[in-house]
Amino acid sequence: MLQHHCLQSVVSIHETEVHLETSPVPYKQACPLCHSEEAVKRDGRNKPRKIRHVSIFGKKCFLHIPSLRLACSRCNIGFVWSYSCVCSKEQ
């Protein structure tokens, strides 16, 4: 389950599928190295990720979540928003 997310829009509804666009509620995520949010800034976004979620009303549900790029000025690293329920490179 995606925690701390809000529904932005219903992208499409078909006979067998529902596509929903969501986004994280917090503006920033902590740096994976220093675990601080203070030195982190948003640095753009990549193509949204599409993940399969639980079925809704007997239809397959796909969530379109943003792939947000972040940067930590303290550690001098760039990283992508990490979703606890989605493995890296998983669709």
N, C-alpha and C. Protein backbone atom coordinates (compact mmCIF):
# COMPACT_ATOMS: atom_id res chain seq x y z
N MET A 1 0.84 -1.19 0.00
CA MET A 1 0.00 0.00 0.00
C MET A 1 0.88 1.24 0.00
N LEU A 2 0.51 2.23 -0.78
CA LEU A 2 1.25 3.49 -0.81
C LEU A 2 0.74 4.37 0.32
N GLN A 3 1.59 4.60 1.29
CA GLN A 3 1.21 5.45 2.40
C GLN A 3 1.56 6.89 2.07
N HIS A 4 0.81 7.81 2.62
CA HIS A 4 1.04 9.24 2.46
C HIS A 4 0.96 9.68 1.01
N HIS A 5 -0.01 9.15 0.28
CA HIS A 5 -0.26 9.52 -1.10
C HIS A 5 -1.68 10.03 -1.24
N CYS A 6 -1.88 10.90 -2.20
CA CYS A 6 -3.24 11.36 -2.47
C CYS A 6 -3.55 11.14 -3.94
N LEU A 7 -4.81 10.90 -4.21
CA LEU A 7 -5.29 10.67 -5.57
C LEU A 7 -5.36 12.01 -6.29
N GLN A 8 -4.70 12.11 -7.44
CA GLN A 8 -4.71 13.34 -8.23
C GLN A 8 -5.83 13.32 -9.27
N SER A 9 -5.95 12.17 -9.97
CA SER A 9 -6.98 12.09 -11.00
C SER A 9 -7.21 10.65 -11.42
N VAL A 10 -8.34 10.43 -12.04
CA VAL A 10 -8.63 9.15 -12.67
C VAL A 10 -8.17 9.30 -14.12
N VAL A 11 -7.15 8.54 -14.49
CA VAL A 11 -6.57 8.65 -15.83
C VAL A 11 -7.50 8.02 -16.85
N SER A 12 -7.95 6.80 -16.57
CA SER A 12 -8.88 6.13 -17.49
C SER A 12 -9.57 4.97 -16.79
N ILE A 13 -10.75 4.63 -17.31
CA ILE A 13 -11.50 3.47 -16.83
C ILE A 13 -11.92 2.68 -18.07
N HIS A 14 -11.52 1.42 -18.10
CA HIS A 14 -11.88 0.53 -19.21
C HIS A 14 -12.71 -0.62 -18.65
N GLU A 15 -13.11 -1.53 -19.49
CA GLU A 15 -13.91 -2.68 -19.06
C GLU A 15 -13.17 -3.53 -18.03
N THR A 16 -11.86 -3.66 -18.19
CA THR A 16 -11.09 -4.55 -17.31
C THR A 16 -10.05 -3.84 -16.47
N GLU A 17 -9.83 -2.53 -16.70
CA GLU A 17 -8.76 -1.81 -16.00
C GLU A 17 -9.19 -0.43 -15.54
N VAL A 18 -8.57 0.01 -14.43
CA VAL A 18 -8.72 1.37 -13.92
C VAL A 18 -7.31 1.93 -13.74
N HIS A 19 -7.07 3.15 -14.22
CA HIS A 19 -5.76 3.80 -14.08
C HIS A 19 -5.95 5.08 -13.26
N LEU A 20 -5.18 5.18 -12.15
CA LEU A 20 -5.27 6.31 -11.25
C LEU A 20 -3.92 7.00 -11.12
N GLU A 21 -3.93 8.32 -11.08
CA GLU A 21 -2.70 9.08 -10.88
C GLU A 21 -2.63 9.53 -9.43
N THR A 22 -1.51 9.24 -8.77
CA THR A 22 -1.32 9.63 -7.37
C THR A 22 -0.02 10.41 -7.24
N SER A 23 0.13 11.07 -6.10
CA SER A 23 1.39 11.75 -5.80
C SER A 23 1.60 11.72 -4.29
N PRO A 24 2.88 11.78 -3.87
CA PRO A 24 3.15 11.76 -2.43
C PRO A 24 2.70 13.07 -1.78
N VAL A 25 2.22 12.99 -0.55
CA VAL A 25 1.79 14.17 0.18
C VAL A 25 3.00 14.99 0.64
N PRO A 26 4.04 14.37 1.24
CA PRO A 26 5.20 15.18 1.64
C PRO A 26 5.90 15.75 0.41
N TYR A 27 6.49 16.92 0.55
CA TYR A 27 7.19 17.56 -0.57
C TYR A 27 8.58 16.97 -0.78
N LYS A 28 9.24 16.55 0.30
CA LYS A 28 10.60 16.01 0.21
C LYS A 28 10.68 14.67 0.95
N GLN A 29 11.73 13.93 0.63
CA GLN A 29 12.02 12.67 1.31
C GLN A 29 13.45 12.75 1.83
N ALA A 30 13.71 12.11 2.94
CA ALA A 30 15.03 12.17 3.56
C ALA A 30 16.10 11.54 2.67
N CYS A 31 17.30 12.05 2.78
CA CYS A 31 18.45 11.52 2.05
C CYS A 31 18.73 10.10 2.53
N PRO A 32 19.01 9.16 1.60
CA PRO A 32 19.28 7.78 2.02
C PRO A 32 20.62 7.62 2.76
N LEU A 33 21.53 8.59 2.65
CA LEU A 33 22.82 8.49 3.34
C LEU A 33 22.82 9.17 4.70
N CYS A 34 22.47 10.46 4.74
CA CYS A 34 22.53 11.21 6.01
C CYS A 34 21.18 11.25 6.73
N HIS A 35 20.13 10.79 6.08
CA HIS A 35 18.77 10.70 6.64
C HIS A 35 18.20 12.06 7.05
N SER A 36 18.68 13.11 6.43
CA SER A 36 18.19 14.46 6.71
C SER A 36 17.35 14.95 5.55
N GLU A 37 16.31 15.72 5.86
CA GLU A 37 15.50 16.36 4.82
C GLU A 37 15.93 17.81 4.60
N GLU A 38 16.67 18.36 5.55
CA GLU A 38 17.03 19.77 5.51
C GLU A 38 17.86 20.14 4.28
N ALA A 39 18.80 19.29 3.88
CA ALA A 39 19.67 19.59 2.74
C ALA A 39 19.15 19.04 1.42
N VAL A 40 17.95 18.46 1.43
CA VAL A 40 17.38 17.84 0.23
C VAL A 40 16.52 18.85 -0.52
N LYS A 41 16.65 18.83 -1.84
CA LYS A 41 15.77 19.64 -2.68
C LYS A 41 15.27 18.79 -3.84
N ARG A 42 14.11 19.14 -4.34
CA ARG A 42 13.58 18.46 -5.53
C ARG A 42 14.39 18.91 -6.73
N ASP A 43 14.66 17.95 -7.61
CA ASP A 43 15.54 18.24 -8.74
C ASP A 43 14.89 17.79 -10.05
N GLY A 44 13.57 17.82 -10.12
CA GLY A 44 12.87 17.44 -11.35
C GLY A 44 12.15 16.12 -11.21
N ARG A 45 11.73 15.59 -12.35
CA ARG A 45 11.04 14.31 -12.35
C ARG A 45 11.32 13.57 -13.64
N ASN A 46 11.29 12.26 -13.54
CA ASN A 46 11.45 11.38 -14.69
C ASN A 46 10.07 10.94 -15.14
N LYS A 47 10.01 10.05 -16.10
CA LYS A 47 8.74 9.50 -16.58
C LYS A 47 8.02 8.81 -15.42
N PRO A 48 6.70 9.03 -15.26
CA PRO A 48 5.96 8.38 -14.16
C PRO A 48 6.05 6.85 -14.24
N ARG A 49 5.98 6.23 -13.08
CA ARG A 49 5.99 4.77 -13.00
C ARG A 49 4.57 4.26 -12.95
N LYS A 50 4.32 3.13 -13.58
CA LYS A 50 2.99 2.51 -13.56
C LYS A 50 3.13 1.20 -12.82
N ILE A 51 2.40 1.07 -11.70
CA ILE A 51 2.47 -0.16 -10.90
C ILE A 51 1.08 -0.77 -10.76
N ARG A 52 1.05 -2.07 -10.71
CA ARG A 52 -0.21 -2.79 -10.52
C ARG A 52 -0.55 -2.76 -9.04
N HIS A 53 -1.79 -2.45 -8.72
CA HIS A 53 -2.25 -2.37 -7.34
C HIS A 53 -3.38 -3.38 -7.14
N VAL A 54 -4.05 -3.32 -6.02
CA VAL A 54 -5.15 -4.24 -5.74
C VAL A 54 -6.31 -3.99 -6.71
N SER A 55 -7.10 -5.00 -6.95
CA SER A 55 -8.24 -4.87 -7.86
C SER A 55 -9.33 -3.99 -7.25
N ILE A 56 -10.02 -3.27 -8.11
CA ILE A 56 -11.14 -2.42 -7.69
C ILE A 56 -12.37 -2.85 -8.47
N PHE A 57 -13.41 -3.24 -7.77
CA PHE A 57 -14.67 -3.66 -8.40
C PHE A 57 -14.45 -4.72 -9.47
N GLY A 58 -13.52 -5.62 -9.22
CA GLY A 58 -13.24 -6.70 -10.14
C GLY A 58 -12.39 -6.29 -11.34
N LYS A 59 -11.86 -5.08 -11.33
CA LYS A 59 -11.02 -4.59 -12.42
C LYS A 59 -9.58 -4.45 -11.93
N LYS A 60 -8.62 -4.66 -12.84
CA LYS A 60 -7.22 -4.44 -12.51
C LYS A 60 -7.02 -2.95 -12.27
N CYS A 61 -6.25 -2.61 -11.25
CA CYS A 61 -5.99 -1.21 -10.93
C CYS A 61 -4.50 -0.92 -11.10
N PHE A 62 -4.21 0.13 -11.85
CA PHE A 62 -2.83 0.56 -12.05
C PHE A 62 -2.68 1.96 -11.49
N LEU A 63 -1.62 2.16 -10.71
CA LEU A 63 -1.32 3.48 -10.17
C LEU A 63 -0.19 4.09 -10.97
N HIS A 64 -0.36 5.33 -11.35
CA HIS A 64 0.69 6.09 -12.03
C HIS A 64 1.28 7.02 -10.97
N ILE A 65 2.52 6.72 -10.57
CA ILE A 65 3.17 7.48 -9.50
C ILE A 65 4.37 8.23 -10.07
N PRO A 66 4.63 9.43 -9.58
CA PRO A 66 5.75 10.20 -10.13
C PRO A 66 7.10 9.62 -9.71
N SER A 67 8.05 9.71 -10.60
CA SER A 67 9.42 9.32 -10.31
C SER A 67 10.19 10.61 -10.06
N LEU A 68 10.14 11.07 -8.82
CA LEU A 68 10.71 12.36 -8.46
C LEU A 68 12.21 12.25 -8.21
N ARG A 69 12.97 13.18 -8.81
CA ARG A 69 14.41 13.25 -8.56
C ARG A 69 14.65 14.22 -7.43
N LEU A 70 15.55 13.82 -6.52
CA LEU A 70 15.91 14.65 -5.38
C LEU A 70 17.43 14.73 -5.31
N ALA A 71 17.93 15.75 -4.61
CA ALA A 71 19.38 15.91 -4.45
C ALA A 71 19.67 16.38 -3.04
N CYS A 72 20.74 15.83 -2.45
CA CYS A 72 21.17 16.22 -1.11
C CYS A 72 22.46 17.02 -1.25
N SER A 73 22.43 18.29 -0.83
CA SER A 73 23.62 19.13 -0.94
C SER A 73 24.66 18.77 0.12
N ARG A 74 24.27 18.16 1.20
CA ARG A 74 25.21 17.75 2.25
C ARG A 74 26.06 16.57 1.77
N CYS A 75 25.43 15.58 1.12
CA CYS A 75 26.14 14.37 0.68
C CYS A 75 26.58 14.45 -0.79
N ASN A 76 26.12 15.48 -1.49
CA ASN A 76 26.40 15.63 -2.92
C ASN A 76 25.97 14.41 -3.73
N ILE A 77 24.76 13.94 -3.48
CA ILE A 77 24.22 12.81 -4.23
C ILE A 77 22.85 13.17 -4.80
N GLY A 78 22.50 12.49 -5.87
CA GLY A 78 21.15 12.57 -6.42
C GLY A 78 20.48 11.22 -6.21
N PHE A 79 19.19 11.23 -5.97
CA PHE A 79 18.45 9.99 -5.77
C PHE A 79 17.02 10.17 -6.21
N VAL A 80 16.32 9.05 -6.39
CA VAL A 80 14.93 9.06 -6.82
C VAL A 80 14.06 8.70 -5.63
N TRP A 81 12.88 9.31 -5.56
CA TRP A 81 11.93 9.06 -4.47
C TRP A 81 11.74 7.55 -4.31
N SER A 82 11.85 7.07 -3.10
CA SER A 82 11.72 5.64 -2.82
C SER A 82 10.34 5.35 -2.26
N TYR A 83 9.65 4.41 -2.89
CA TYR A 83 8.34 3.97 -2.42
C TYR A 83 8.51 2.62 -1.74
N SER A 84 8.07 2.49 -0.51
CA SER A 84 8.31 1.27 0.28
C SER A 84 7.68 0.03 -0.34
N CYS A 85 6.60 0.18 -1.09
CA CYS A 85 5.93 -0.99 -1.66
C CYS A 85 6.38 -1.33 -3.07
N VAL A 86 7.30 -0.55 -3.63
CA VAL A 86 7.75 -0.77 -5.00
C VAL A 86 9.26 -1.00 -5.00
N CYS A 87 9.68 -2.15 -5.50
CA CYS A 87 11.11 -2.43 -5.60
C CYS A 87 11.71 -1.59 -6.72
N SER A 88 12.99 -1.30 -6.63
CA SER A 88 13.61 -0.51 -7.69
C SER A 88 13.57 -1.28 -9.01
N LYS A 89 13.38 -0.54 -10.08
CA LYS A 89 13.27 -1.08 -11.45
C LYS A 89 12.03 -1.94 -11.64
N GLU A 90 11.16 -2.04 -10.64
CA GLU A 90 9.93 -2.83 -10.77
C GLU A 90 8.88 -1.94 -11.40
N GLN A 91 8.07 -2.53 -12.25
CA GLN A 91 7.00 -1.77 -12.89
C GLN A 91 5.69 -2.09 -12.22
